[in-house]
C-alpha cells in the first residue's frame, strides 16, 4: 500500500523512480479506507531532503498513510524555497483542532542554541503540549528528541568535546519490544550531533525506558512506558551520502571536521561509503508505524487522546 502525499511534491518522482508506491491526493479520494494520518513537523533547513528520507521509510507498509507537512509560523527558514513551503506545508493554526495517529518531529541544527532562545521555541512547546491530547504517538528525532526530553521531563543535554559523527554499533535493551521486531541483536546506525543525554538522567525518570544504547554514542532510543512518545537520537533514515555530504561541506568551510567513524572504507573519504543501517532503519519506521500507531490508535480519530 502507498503513502499519500500532496500532488506534485518533489519527493514523489524520486520515490517513484525507486519503485515506491506513492498515491497522490486525487487518486486516494476514490478509495473507501481509513488511512493513518501522520504529521511531519520538519525543522530541518533542507526540507526536501528530509521529506524524501522520511517518506521513503514510511512507504514500506501495507497501510495507507496520509502524510501532511508542518512548518513553524513563528520562524521561516532563509534557505528554503518559499514556493515549496507555500505549496506543500501547513501551519499549526490550520490543524490545531484536528487529531493525528502519528507525528514525527525532526531534528534541527540548533545544538549550540539554548532551547528558550530558539526563534520558534514557544510555538514548538505549544505543538508538543498539543500532541499529548491530539496525537496518538509522537516520534521525536535527533534535536527534536532533545527538545522533547527537555520540555516534557526537564532533561538537559551535555556537549561532546568533539562532534559525534559516524556509524556505530547499538545494543537492544528491550529485545522483546515490537519496536525491534525483526532486528538482529545489534544494529548499526549513523549519528551526527554535538550533544547527548546522560544515561542516569533518563533512568531517573520513571516514565522513560531505554530501548537501545551504544558504547560510543550512548543512550540512543528511548520511549515512554505508555508508548505515546518515542525518542530517537540516531539517523536511521540517512542516505548513503548524508554523512559524506556533511563532512565535505564542513571541510570546504575550513572547519577541519573529523572523518566520520566506521563510515568510509579504510577511513578514506575518497572511498564510497558502505550502507549497513538501511534494513534497521526500515524496520524501525515500519515497526513504529505498525505497532505504535496503526495497531493501537483508535479507529475513530476523534477518540485519540481520550482516556
C-alpha atoms as a PDB file:
ATOM      1  CA  UNK A   1       0.000   0.000   0.000  1.00  0.00           C
ATOM      2  CA  UNK A   2       1.128   3.571  -0.591  1.00  0.00           C
ATOM      3  CA  UNK A   3       1.852   6.696   1.307  1.00  0.00           C
ATOM      4  CA  UNK A   4      -0.457   9.548   0.345  1.00  0.00           C
ATOM      5  CA  UNK A   5       1.101  12.946  -0.275  1.00  0.00           C
ATOM      6  CA  UNK A   6       0.161  16.226  -1.901  1.00  0.00           C
ATOM      7  CA  UNK A   7       0.109  16.291  -5.682  1.00  0.00           C
ATOM      8  CA  UNK A   8       3.454  17.309  -7.238  1.00  0.00           C
ATOM      9  CA  UNK A   9       5.556  17.112  -4.054  1.00  0.00           C
ATOM     10  CA  UNK A  10       9.165  16.865  -5.357  1.00  0.00           C
ATOM     11  CA  UNK A  11       9.770  13.681  -3.354  1.00  0.00           C
ATOM     12  CA  UNK A  12       7.138  11.933  -5.481  1.00  0.00           C
ATOM     13  CA  UNK A  13       9.307  11.472  -8.572  1.00  0.00           C
ATOM     14  CA  UNK A  14      12.329  10.365  -6.515  1.00  0.00           C
ATOM     15  CA  UNK A  15      10.316   7.734  -4.666  1.00  0.00           C
ATOM     16  CA  UNK A  16       8.545   6.501  -7.800  1.00  0.00           C
ATOM     17  CA  UNK A  17      11.926   6.026  -9.513  1.00  0.00           C
ATOM     18  CA  UNK A  18      12.810   3.733  -6.584  1.00  0.00           C
ATOM     19  CA  UNK A  19       9.632   1.712  -7.293  1.00  0.00           C
ATOM     20  CA  UNK A  20       7.975   3.019  -4.137  1.00  0.00           C
ATOM     21  CA  UNK A  21       4.191   3.213  -4.423  1.00  0.00           C
ATOM     22  CA  UNK A  22       3.145   6.814  -3.867  1.00  0.00           C
ATOM     23  CA  UNK A  23      -0.508   7.829  -4.056  1.00  0.00           C
ATOM     24  CA  UNK A  24      -1.497  11.421  -4.746  1.00  0.00           C
ATOM     25  CA  UNK A  25      -4.494  13.053  -3.124  1.00  0.00           C
ATOM     26  CA  UNK A  26      -6.541  12.804  -6.301  1.00  0.00           C
ATOM     27  CA  UNK A  27      -6.209   9.031  -6.548  1.00  0.00           C
ATOM     28  CA  UNK A  28      -6.711   8.485  -2.825  1.00  0.00           C
ATOM     29  CA  UNK A  29     -10.070  10.262  -2.959  1.00  0.00           C
ATOM     30  CA  UNK A  30     -11.518   7.235  -4.754  1.00  0.00           C
ATOM     31  CA  UNK A  31     -10.565   4.722  -2.032  1.00  0.00           C
ATOM     32  CA  UNK A  32     -13.003   3.833   0.744  1.00  0.00           C
ATOM     33  CA  UNK A  33     -10.496   3.258   3.529  1.00  0.00           C
ATOM     34  CA  UNK A  34      -9.486   4.914   6.794  1.00  0.00           C
ATOM     35  CA  UNK A  35      -5.856   5.968   6.223  1.00  0.00           C
ATOM     36  CA  UNK A  36      -3.433   6.704   9.014  1.00  0.00           C
ATOM     37  CA  UNK A  37      -2.946  10.428   9.445  1.00  0.00           C
ATOM     38  CA  UNK A  38       0.717  11.260  10.075  1.00  0.00           C
ATOM     39  CA  UNK A  39       2.028  14.780  10.590  1.00  0.00           C
ATOM     40  CA  UNK A  40       5.698  15.636   9.997  1.00  0.00           C
ATOM     41  CA  UNK A  41       6.980  18.792  11.691  1.00  0.00           C
ATOM     42  CA  UNK A  42      10.039  19.394   9.529  1.00  0.00           C
ATOM     43  CA  UNK A  43      12.516  21.676  11.312  1.00  0.00           C
ATOM     44  CA  UNK A  44      15.477  20.970   9.027  1.00  0.00           C
ATOM     45  CA  UNK A  45      16.787  23.723   6.717  1.00  0.00           C
ATOM     46  CA  UNK A  46      16.891  21.400   3.698  1.00  0.00           C
ATOM     47  CA  UNK A  47      13.220  20.471   3.703  1.00  0.00           C
ATOM     48  CA  UNK A  48      13.161  18.380   0.535  1.00  0.00           C
ATOM     49  CA  UNK A  49      15.994  16.034   1.564  1.00  0.00           C
ATOM     50  CA  UNK A  50      14.430  15.351   4.960  1.00  0.00           C
ATOM     51  CA  UNK A  51      10.979  14.869   3.427  1.00  0.00           C
ATOM     52  CA  UNK A  52      12.286  12.279   0.989  1.00  0.00           C
ATOM     53  CA  UNK A  53      14.302  10.360   3.586  1.00  0.00           C
ATOM     54  CA  UNK A  54      11.377  10.033   5.998  1.00  0.00           C
ATOM     55  CA  UNK A  55       8.754   9.344   3.341  1.00  0.00           C
ATOM     56  CA  UNK A  56      10.963   6.569   1.972  1.00  0.00           C
ATOM     57  CA  UNK A  57      10.897   4.857   5.379  1.00  0.00           C
ATOM     58  CA  UNK A  58       7.151   5.285   5.858  1.00  0.00           C
ATOM     59  CA  UNK A  59       6.365   3.835   2.455  1.00  0.00           C
ATOM     60  CA  UNK A  60       7.233   0.164   3.039  1.00  0.00           C
ATOM     61  CA  UNK A  61       3.988  -0.778   4.707  1.00  0.00           C
ATOM     62  CA  UNK A  62       0.638  -2.365   3.731  1.00  0.00           C
ATOM     63  CA  UNK A  63      -1.048   0.654   5.307  1.00  0.00           C
ATOM     64  CA  UNK A  64      -2.274   3.757   3.537  1.00  0.00           C
ATOM     65  CA  UNK A  65      -0.622   6.706   5.243  1.00  0.00           C
ATOM     66  CA  UNK A  66      -1.871  10.242   4.743  1.00  0.00           C
ATOM     67  CA  UNK A  67       1.196  12.440   5.309  1.00  0.00           C
ATOM     68  CA  UNK A  68       0.989  16.175   5.945  1.00  0.00           C
ATOM     69  CA  UNK A  69       3.960  18.502   6.312  1.00  0.00           C
ATOM     70  CA  UNK A  70       4.010  21.094   9.071  1.00  0.00           C
ATOM     71  CA  UNK A  71       6.178  24.212   9.301  1.00  0.00           C
ATOM     72  CA  UNK A  72       6.596  26.772  12.049  1.00  0.00           C
ATOM     73  CA  UNK A  73       4.678  30.011  11.618  1.00  0.00           C
ATOM     74  CA  UNK A  74       6.868  31.963  14.034  1.00  0.00           C
ATOM     75  CA  UNK A  75      10.031  31.392  12.007  1.00  0.00           C
ATOM     76  CA  UNK A  76      10.607  30.986   8.278  1.00  0.00           C
ATOM     77  CA  UNK A  77      13.950  29.434   7.218  1.00  0.00           C
ATOM     78  CA  UNK A  78      16.039  31.628   4.952  1.00  0.00           C
ATOM     79  CA  UNK A  79      17.452  28.798   2.826  1.00  0.00           C
ATOM     80  CA  UNK A  80      14.147  27.245   1.765  1.00  0.00           C
ATOM     81  CA  UNK A  81      12.188  27.944  -1.393  1.00  0.00           C
ATOM     82  CA  UNK A  82       9.136  29.871  -0.202  1.00  0.00           C
ATOM     83  CA  UNK A  83       7.106  28.421  -3.071  1.00  0.00           C
ATOM     84  CA  UNK A  84       7.832  24.954  -1.752  1.00  0.00           C
ATOM     85  CA  UNK A  85       6.620  25.908   1.726  1.00  0.00           C
ATOM     86  CA  UNK A  86       3.511  27.606   0.392  1.00  0.00           C
ATOM     87  CA  UNK A  87       2.662  24.665  -1.855  1.00  0.00           C
ATOM     88  CA  UNK A  88       3.240  21.741   0.469  1.00  0.00           C
ATOM     89  CA  UNK A  89       3.337  22.923   4.083  1.00  0.00           C
ATOM     90  CA  UNK A  90       0.687  23.901   6.582  1.00  0.00           C
ATOM     91  CA  UNK A  91       0.948  25.759   9.892  1.00  0.00           C
ATOM     92  CA  UNK A  92      -0.206  24.816  13.357  1.00  0.00           C
ATOM     93  CA  UNK A  93      -3.239  27.106  13.304  1.00  0.00           C
ATOM     94  CA  UNK A  94      -4.541  25.143  10.323  1.00  0.00           C
ATOM     95  CA  UNK A  95      -4.502  21.786  12.106  1.00  0.00           C
ATOM     96  CA  UNK A  96      -4.705  22.548  15.837  1.00  0.00           C
ATOM     97  CA  UNK A  97      -8.318  21.352  16.020  1.00  0.00           C
ATOM     98  CA  UNK A  98      -7.580  18.055  14.276  1.00  0.00           C
ATOM     99  CA  UNK A  99      -6.219  14.769  15.628  1.00  0.00           C
ATOM    100  CA  UNK A 100      -3.469  12.587  14.164  1.00  0.00           C
ATOM    101  CA  UNK A 101      -2.480   8.962  14.531  1.00  0.00           C
ATOM    102  CA  UNK A 102       1.221   9.773  14.462  1.00  0.00           C
ATOM    103  CA  UNK A 103       3.608  12.687  14.299  1.00  0.00           C
ATOM    104  CA  UNK A 104       7.330  12.989  13.584  1.00  0.00           C
ATOM    105  CA  UNK A 105       9.271  15.990  14.891  1.00  0.00           C
ATOM    106  CA  UNK A 106      12.595  16.209  13.073  1.00  0.00           C
ATOM    107  CA  UNK A 107      15.966  17.455  14.162  1.00  0.00           C
ATOM    108  CA  UNK A 108      17.378  20.927  13.572  1.00  0.00           C
ATOM    109  CA  UNK A 109      20.919  22.406  13.567  1.00  0.00           C
ATOM    110  CA  UNK A 110      20.422  24.093  16.939  1.00  0.00           C
ATOM    111  CA  UNK A 111      22.782  22.237  19.280  1.00  0.00           C
ATOM    112  CA  UNK A 112      24.508  25.439  20.403  1.00  0.00           C
ATOM    113  CA  UNK A 113      21.338  27.478  20.937  1.00  0.00           C
ATOM    114  CA  UNK A 114      19.626  27.435  24.320  1.00  0.00           C
ATOM    115  CA  UNK A 115      16.142  25.955  23.972  1.00  0.00           C
ATOM    116  CA  UNK A 116      14.394  29.051  25.300  1.00  0.00           C
ATOM    117  CA  UNK A 117      16.293  31.206  22.788  1.00  0.00           C
ATOM    118  CA  UNK A 118      15.281  29.176  19.731  1.00  0.00           C
ATOM    119  CA  UNK A 119      13.250  31.505  17.496  1.00  0.00           C
ATOM    120  CA  UNK A 120      10.236  29.191  17.424  1.00  0.00           C
ATOM    121  CA  UNK A 121      10.597  27.631  20.906  1.00  0.00           C
ATOM    122  CA  UNK A 122       7.250  28.889  22.223  1.00  0.00           C
ATOM    123  CA  UNK A 123       5.464  27.545  19.163  1.00  0.00           C
ATOM    124  CA  UNK A 124       7.281  24.226  19.402  1.00  0.00           C
ATOM    125  CA  UNK A 125       6.296  23.911  23.064  1.00  0.00           C
ATOM    126  CA  UNK A 126       2.695  24.600  22.102  1.00  0.00           C
ATOM    127  CA  UNK A 127       2.837  21.846  19.473  1.00  0.00           C
ATOM    128  CA  UNK A 128       4.476  19.359  21.857  1.00  0.00           C
ATOM    129  CA  UNK A 129       1.848  20.065  24.522  1.00  0.00           C
ATOM    130  CA  UNK A 130      -0.927  19.770  21.919  1.00  0.00           C
ATOM    131  CA  UNK A 131       0.471  16.401  20.803  1.00  0.00           C
ATOM    132  CA  UNK A 132      -0.320  14.891  24.214  1.00  0.00           C
ATOM    133  CA  UNK A 133      -4.046  15.157  23.502  1.00  0.00           C
ATOM    134  CA  UNK A 134      -4.169  15.284  19.695  1.00  0.00           C
ATOM    135  CA  UNK A 135      -1.555  12.717  18.555  1.00  0.00           C
ATOM    136  CA  UNK A 136      -1.626   9.030  19.386  1.00  0.00           C
ATOM    137  CA  UNK A 137       2.158   8.503  19.136  1.00  0.00           C
ATOM    138  CA  UNK A 138       4.887  11.081  18.535  1.00  0.00           C
ATOM    139  CA  UNK A 139       8.307  10.153  17.151  1.00  0.00           C
ATOM    140  CA  UNK A 140      10.963  12.662  18.254  1.00  0.00           C
ATOM    141  CA  UNK A 141      14.092  12.640  16.079  1.00  0.00           C
ATOM    142  CA  UNK A 142      17.608  13.900  16.985  1.00  0.00           C
ATOM    143  CA  UNK A 143      17.405  17.577  18.087  1.00  0.00           C
ATOM    144  CA  UNK A 144      13.638  17.173  18.170  1.00  0.00           C
ATOM    145  CA  UNK A 145      14.192  14.363  20.699  1.00  0.00           C
ATOM    146  CA  UNK A 146      16.477  16.524  22.841  1.00  0.00           C
ATOM    147  CA  UNK A 147      13.886  19.308  22.735  1.00  0.00           C
ATOM    148  CA  UNK A 148      11.118  16.869  23.681  1.00  0.00           C
ATOM    149  CA  UNK A 149      13.069  15.420  26.600  1.00  0.00           C
ATOM    150  CA  UNK A 150      13.810  18.950  27.819  1.00  0.00           C
ATOM    151  CA  UNK A 151      10.221  20.148  27.517  1.00  0.00           C
ATOM    152  CA  UNK A 152       8.413  17.082  28.866  1.00  0.00           C
ATOM    153  CA  UNK A 153      10.887  15.968  31.532  1.00  0.00           C
ATOM    154  CA  UNK A 154      13.287  18.844  32.178  1.00  0.00           C
ATOM    155  CA  UNK A 155      16.292  16.856  30.935  1.00  0.00           C
ATOM    156  CA  UNK A 156      19.230  18.978  29.783  1.00  0.00           C
ATOM    157  CA  UNK A 157      21.779  17.843  27.241  1.00  0.00           C
ATOM    158  CA  UNK A 158      25.550  17.684  27.596  1.00  0.00           C
ATOM    159  CA  UNK A 159      28.190  18.586  24.988  1.00  0.00           C
ATOM    160  CA  UNK A 160      30.767  16.265  23.444  1.00  0.00           C
ATOM    161  CA  UNK A 161      34.319  17.534  23.289  1.00  0.00           C
ATOM    162  CA  UNK A 162      34.238  16.690  19.589  1.00  0.00           C
ATOM    163  CA  UNK A 163      31.214  16.215  17.355  1.00  0.00           C
ATOM    164  CA  UNK A 164      29.917  12.649  17.208  1.00  0.00           C
ATOM    165  CA  UNK A 165      29.880  11.691  13.555  1.00  0.00           C
ATOM    166  CA  UNK A 166      29.892   8.192  12.152  1.00  0.00           C
ATOM    167  CA  UNK A 167      28.145   4.831  12.148  1.00  0.00           C
ATOM    168  CA  UNK A 168      28.096   2.940  15.433  1.00  0.00           C
ATOM    169  CA  UNK A 169      27.012  -0.400  16.825  1.00  0.00           C
ATOM    170  CA  UNK A 170      23.995  -0.440  19.137  1.00  0.00           C
ATOM    171  CA  UNK A 171      22.688  -2.974  21.609  1.00  0.00           C
ATOM    172  CA  UNK A 172      18.968  -3.541  22.020  1.00  0.00           C
ATOM    173  CA  UNK A 173      17.934  -3.303  25.667  1.00  0.00           C
ATOM    174  CA  UNK A 174      14.340  -4.477  25.161  1.00  0.00           C
ATOM    175  CA  UNK A 175      14.670  -7.312  22.625  1.00  0.00           C
ATOM    176  CA  UNK A 176      11.018  -8.381  23.008  1.00  0.00           C
ATOM    177  CA  UNK A 177       9.722  -4.902  22.192  1.00  0.00           C
ATOM    178  CA  UNK A 178       7.663  -4.653  18.994  1.00  0.00           C
ATOM    179  CA  UNK A 179       9.808  -1.638  18.103  1.00  0.00           C
ATOM    180  CA  UNK A 180      12.654  -4.052  17.336  1.00  0.00           C
ATOM    181  CA  UNK A 181      10.657  -6.809  15.646  1.00  0.00           C
ATOM    182  CA  UNK A 182      12.930  -8.330  13.003  1.00  0.00           C
ATOM    183  CA  UNK A 183      16.119  -6.667  14.320  1.00  0.00           C
ATOM    184  CA  UNK A 184      19.372  -8.510  14.915  1.00  0.00           C
ATOM    185  CA  UNK A 185      20.823  -8.466  18.441  1.00  0.00           C
ATOM    186  CA  UNK A 186      22.932  -5.454  17.491  1.00  0.00           C
ATOM    187  CA  UNK A 187      22.380  -2.903  14.759  1.00  0.00           C
ATOM    188  CA  UNK A 188      24.372  -0.136  13.111  1.00  0.00           C
ATOM    189  CA  UNK A 189      23.119   3.453  12.982  1.00  0.00           C
ATOM    190  CA  UNK A 190      24.508   6.813  11.820  1.00  0.00           C
ATOM    191  CA  UNK A 191      24.923   9.736  14.220  1.00  0.00           C
ATOM    192  CA  UNK A 192      25.711  13.380  13.577  1.00  0.00           C
ATOM    193  CA  UNK A 193      25.437  15.554  16.677  1.00  0.00           C
ATOM    194  CA  UNK A 194      27.342  17.612  19.209  1.00  0.00           C
ATOM    195  CA  UNK A 195      25.169  16.805  22.232  1.00  0.00           C
ATOM    196  CA  UNK A 196      23.995  13.841  24.284  1.00  0.00           C
ATOM    197  CA  UNK A 197      21.918  12.987  27.340  1.00  0.00           C
ATOM    198  CA  UNK A 198      23.281  11.155  30.357  1.00  0.00           C
ATOM    199  CA  UNK A 199      22.001   7.643  30.899  1.00  0.00           C
ATOM    200  CA  UNK A 200      21.402   8.362  34.593  1.00  0.00           C
ATOM    201  CA  UNK A 201      19.214  11.340  33.712  1.00  0.00           C
ATOM    202  CA  UNK A 202      16.960   9.086  31.646  1.00  0.00           C
ATOM    203  CA  UNK A 203      16.919   6.383  34.301  1.00  0.00           C
ATOM    204  CA  UNK A 204      15.846   8.978  36.885  1.00  0.00           C
ATOM    205  CA  UNK A 205      12.538   9.472  35.034  1.00  0.00           C
ATOM    206  CA  UNK A 206      10.126   6.608  35.900  1.00  0.00           C
ATOM    207  CA  UNK A 207       8.040   7.222  32.773  1.00  0.00           C
ATOM    208  CA  UNK A 208      11.007   6.681  30.429  1.00  0.00           C
ATOM    209  CA  UNK A 209      12.653   3.421  29.427  1.00  0.00           C
ATOM    210  CA  UNK A 210      15.889   2.969  27.497  1.00  0.00           C
ATOM    211  CA  UNK A 211      15.396   0.854  24.387  1.00  0.00           C
ATOM    212  CA  UNK A 212      18.813   0.911  22.680  1.00  0.00           C
ATOM    213  CA  UNK A 213      22.276   2.039  23.684  1.00  0.00           C
ATOM    214  CA  UNK A 214      25.753   2.308  22.153  1.00  0.00           C
ATOM    215  CA  UNK A 215      29.181   2.124  23.764  1.00  0.00           C
ATOM    216  CA  UNK A 216      30.265   5.155  21.733  1.00  0.00           C
ATOM    217  CA  UNK A 217      27.022   7.036  21.098  1.00  0.00           C
ATOM    218  CA  UNK A 218      25.430   6.374  24.490  1.00  0.00           C
ATOM    219  CA  UNK A 219      21.674   6.258  25.025  1.00  0.00           C
ATOM    220  CA  UNK A 220      20.126   6.309  21.573  1.00  0.00           C
ATOM    221  CA  UNK A 221      16.480   5.201  21.632  1.00  0.00           C
ATOM    222  CA  UNK A 222      14.014   5.774  24.477  1.00  0.00           C
ATOM    223  CA  UNK A 223      10.265   5.704  24.862  1.00  0.00           C
ATOM    224  CA  UNK A 224       7.613   6.399  27.438  1.00  0.00           C
ATOM    225  CA  UNK A 225       6.070   3.444  29.254  1.00  0.00           C
ATOM    226  CA  UNK A 226       2.708   4.192  27.657  1.00  0.00           C
ATOM    227  CA  UNK A 227       4.398   4.193  24.208  1.00  0.00           C
ATOM    228  CA  UNK A 228       2.918   7.579  23.308  1.00  0.00           C
ATOM    229  CA  UNK A 229       6.345   9.178  22.832  1.00  0.00           C
ATOM    230  CA  UNK A 230       9.440   7.667  21.200  1.00  0.00           C
ATOM    231  CA  UNK A 231      12.811   9.441  21.252  1.00  0.00           C
ATOM    232  CA  UNK A 232      15.458   8.557  18.661  1.00  0.00           C
ATOM    233  CA  UNK A 233      18.889  10.223  18.657  1.00  0.00           C
ATOM    234  CA  UNK A 234      20.351   8.329  15.684  1.00  0.00           C
ATOM    235  CA  UNK A 235      19.550   8.821  11.997  1.00  0.00           C
ATOM    236  CA  UNK A 236      18.440   5.509  10.561  1.00  0.00           C
ATOM    237  CA  UNK A 237      16.687   7.418   7.769  1.00  0.00           C
ATOM    238  CA  UNK A 238      20.004   8.766   6.422  1.00  0.00           C
ATOM    239  CA  UNK A 239      21.003   8.124   2.813  1.00  0.00           C
ATOM    240  CA  UNK A 240      24.364   6.633   1.854  1.00  0.00           C
ATOM    241  CA  UNK A 241      25.988  10.016   1.288  1.00  0.00           C
ATOM    242  CA  UNK A 242      24.398  12.114   4.047  1.00  0.00           C
ATOM    243  CA  UNK A 243      27.396  11.949   6.395  1.00  0.00           C
ATOM    244  CA  UNK A 244      29.739  12.332   3.440  1.00  0.00           C
ATOM    245  CA  UNK A 245      27.949  15.470   2.268  1.00  0.00           C
ATOM    246  CA  UNK A 246      28.126  16.932   5.786  1.00  0.00           C
ATOM    247  CA  UNK A 247      31.830  16.112   6.071  1.00  0.00           C
ATOM    248  CA  UNK A 248      32.824  17.707   2.755  1.00  0.00           C
ATOM    249  CA  UNK A 249      30.545  20.688   3.384  1.00  0.00           C
ATOM    250  CA  UNK A 250      32.304  21.424   6.665  1.00  0.00           C
ATOM    251  CA  UNK A 251      35.702  20.701   5.117  1.00  0.00           C
ATOM    252  CA  UNK A 252      35.055  23.228   2.366  1.00  0.00           C
ATOM    253  CA  UNK A 253      34.110  25.773   5.024  1.00  0.00           C
ATOM    254  CA  UNK A 254      37.554  25.340   6.589  1.00  0.00           C
ATOM    255  CA  UNK A 255      36.141  23.759   9.756  1.00  0.00           C
ATOM    256  CA  UNK A 256      38.593  20.809   9.808  1.00  0.00           C
ATOM    257  CA  UNK A 257      35.952  18.194  10.695  1.00  0.00           C
ATOM    258  CA  UNK A 258      36.892  14.716  11.875  1.00  0.00           C
ATOM    259  CA  UNK A 259      36.329  11.934   9.348  1.00  0.00           C
ATOM    260  CA  UNK A 260      33.061  10.149  10.227  1.00  0.00           C
ATOM    261  CA  UNK A 261      33.913   6.953  12.113  1.00  0.00           C
ATOM    262  CA  UNK A 262      33.210   3.485  10.691  1.00  0.00           C
ATOM    263  CA  UNK A 263      31.836   5.042   7.529  1.00  0.00           C
ATOM    264  CA  UNK A 264      34.336   5.354   4.677  1.00  0.00           C
ATOM    265  CA  UNK A 265      36.103   2.066   3.807  1.00  0.00           C
ATOM    266  CA  UNK A 266      39.691   2.204   5.133  1.00  0.00           C
ATOM    267  CA  UNK A 267      38.713   5.537   6.714  1.00  0.00           C
ATOM    268  CA  UNK A 268      39.410   7.147   3.348  1.00  0.00           C
ATOM    269  CA  UNK A 269      36.914   9.864   2.313  1.00  0.00           C
ATOM    270  CA  UNK A 270      37.673   9.109  -1.320  1.00  0.00           C
ATOM    271  CA  UNK A 271      36.037   5.683  -0.918  1.00  0.00           C
ATOM    272  CA  UNK A 272      32.322   5.140  -1.406  1.00  0.00           C
ATOM    273  CA  UNK A 273      30.568   4.612   1.950  1.00  0.00           C
ATOM    274  CA  UNK A 274      29.043   1.195   2.588  1.00  0.00           C
ATOM    275  CA  UNK A 275      25.473   1.246   3.911  1.00  0.00           C
ATOM    276  CA  UNK A 276      24.978  -1.143   6.849  1.00  0.00           C
ATOM    277  CA  UNK A 277      21.993   0.528   8.533  1.00  0.00           C
ATOM    278  CA  UNK A 278      19.297   0.598   5.840  1.00  0.00           C
ATOM    279  CA  UNK A 279      17.441  -2.551   6.915  1.00  0.00           C
ATOM    280  CA  UNK A 280      17.406  -1.493  10.576  1.00  0.00           C
ATOM    281  CA  UNK A 281      16.103   1.910   9.554  1.00  0.00           C
ATOM    282  CA  UNK A 282      13.307   0.419   7.506  1.00  0.00           C
ATOM    283  CA  UNK A 283      12.335  -1.896  10.346  1.00  0.00           C
ATOM    284  CA  UNK A 284      12.326   0.896  12.930  1.00  0.00           C
ATOM    285  CA  UNK A 285       9.981   3.151  10.987  1.00  0.00           C
ATOM    286  CA  UNK A 286       7.773   0.279   9.828  1.00  0.00           C
ATOM    287  CA  UNK A 287       7.503  -1.125  13.352  1.00  0.00           C
ATOM    288  CA  UNK A 288       6.712   2.310  14.755  1.00  0.00           C
ATOM    289  CA  UNK A 289       4.010   2.829  12.164  1.00  0.00           C
ATOM    290  CA  UNK A 290       2.537  -0.645  12.582  1.00  0.00           C
ATOM    291  CA  UNK A 291       2.750  -1.414  16.310  1.00  0.00           C
ATOM    292  CA  UNK A 292       2.749   2.041  17.904  1.00  0.00           C
ATOM    293  CA  UNK A 293       0.405   3.823  15.531  1.00  0.00           C
ATOM    294  CA  UNK A 294      -1.831   1.506  13.482  1.00  0.00           C
ATOM    295  CA  UNK A 295      -2.272  -1.345  15.972  1.00  0.00           C
ATOM    296  CA  UNK A 296      -3.185   0.877  18.909  1.00  0.00           C
ATOM    297  CA  UNK A 297      -4.692   4.083  17.553  1.00  0.00           C
ATOM    298  CA  UNK A 298      -8.487   4.441  17.889  1.00  0.00           C
ATOM    299  CA  UNK A 299     -10.429   3.749  14.708  1.00  0.00           C
ATOM    300  CA  UNK A 300     -12.294   6.999  15.281  1.00  0.00           C
ATOM    301  CA  UNK A 301      -9.613   9.669  15.177  1.00  0.00           C
ATOM    302  CA  UNK A 302     -11.702  11.876  17.435  1.00  0.00           C
ATOM    303  CA  UNK A 303     -11.068   9.402  20.258  1.00  0.00           C
ATOM    304  CA  UNK A 304      -7.315   9.991  20.119  1.00  0.00           C
ATOM    305  CA  UNK A 305      -6.144  11.398  23.423  1.00  0.00           C
ATOM    306  CA  UNK A 306      -9.204  10.156  25.284  1.00  0.00           C
ATOM    307  CA  UNK A 307      -8.633   8.055  28.381  1.00  0.00           C
END
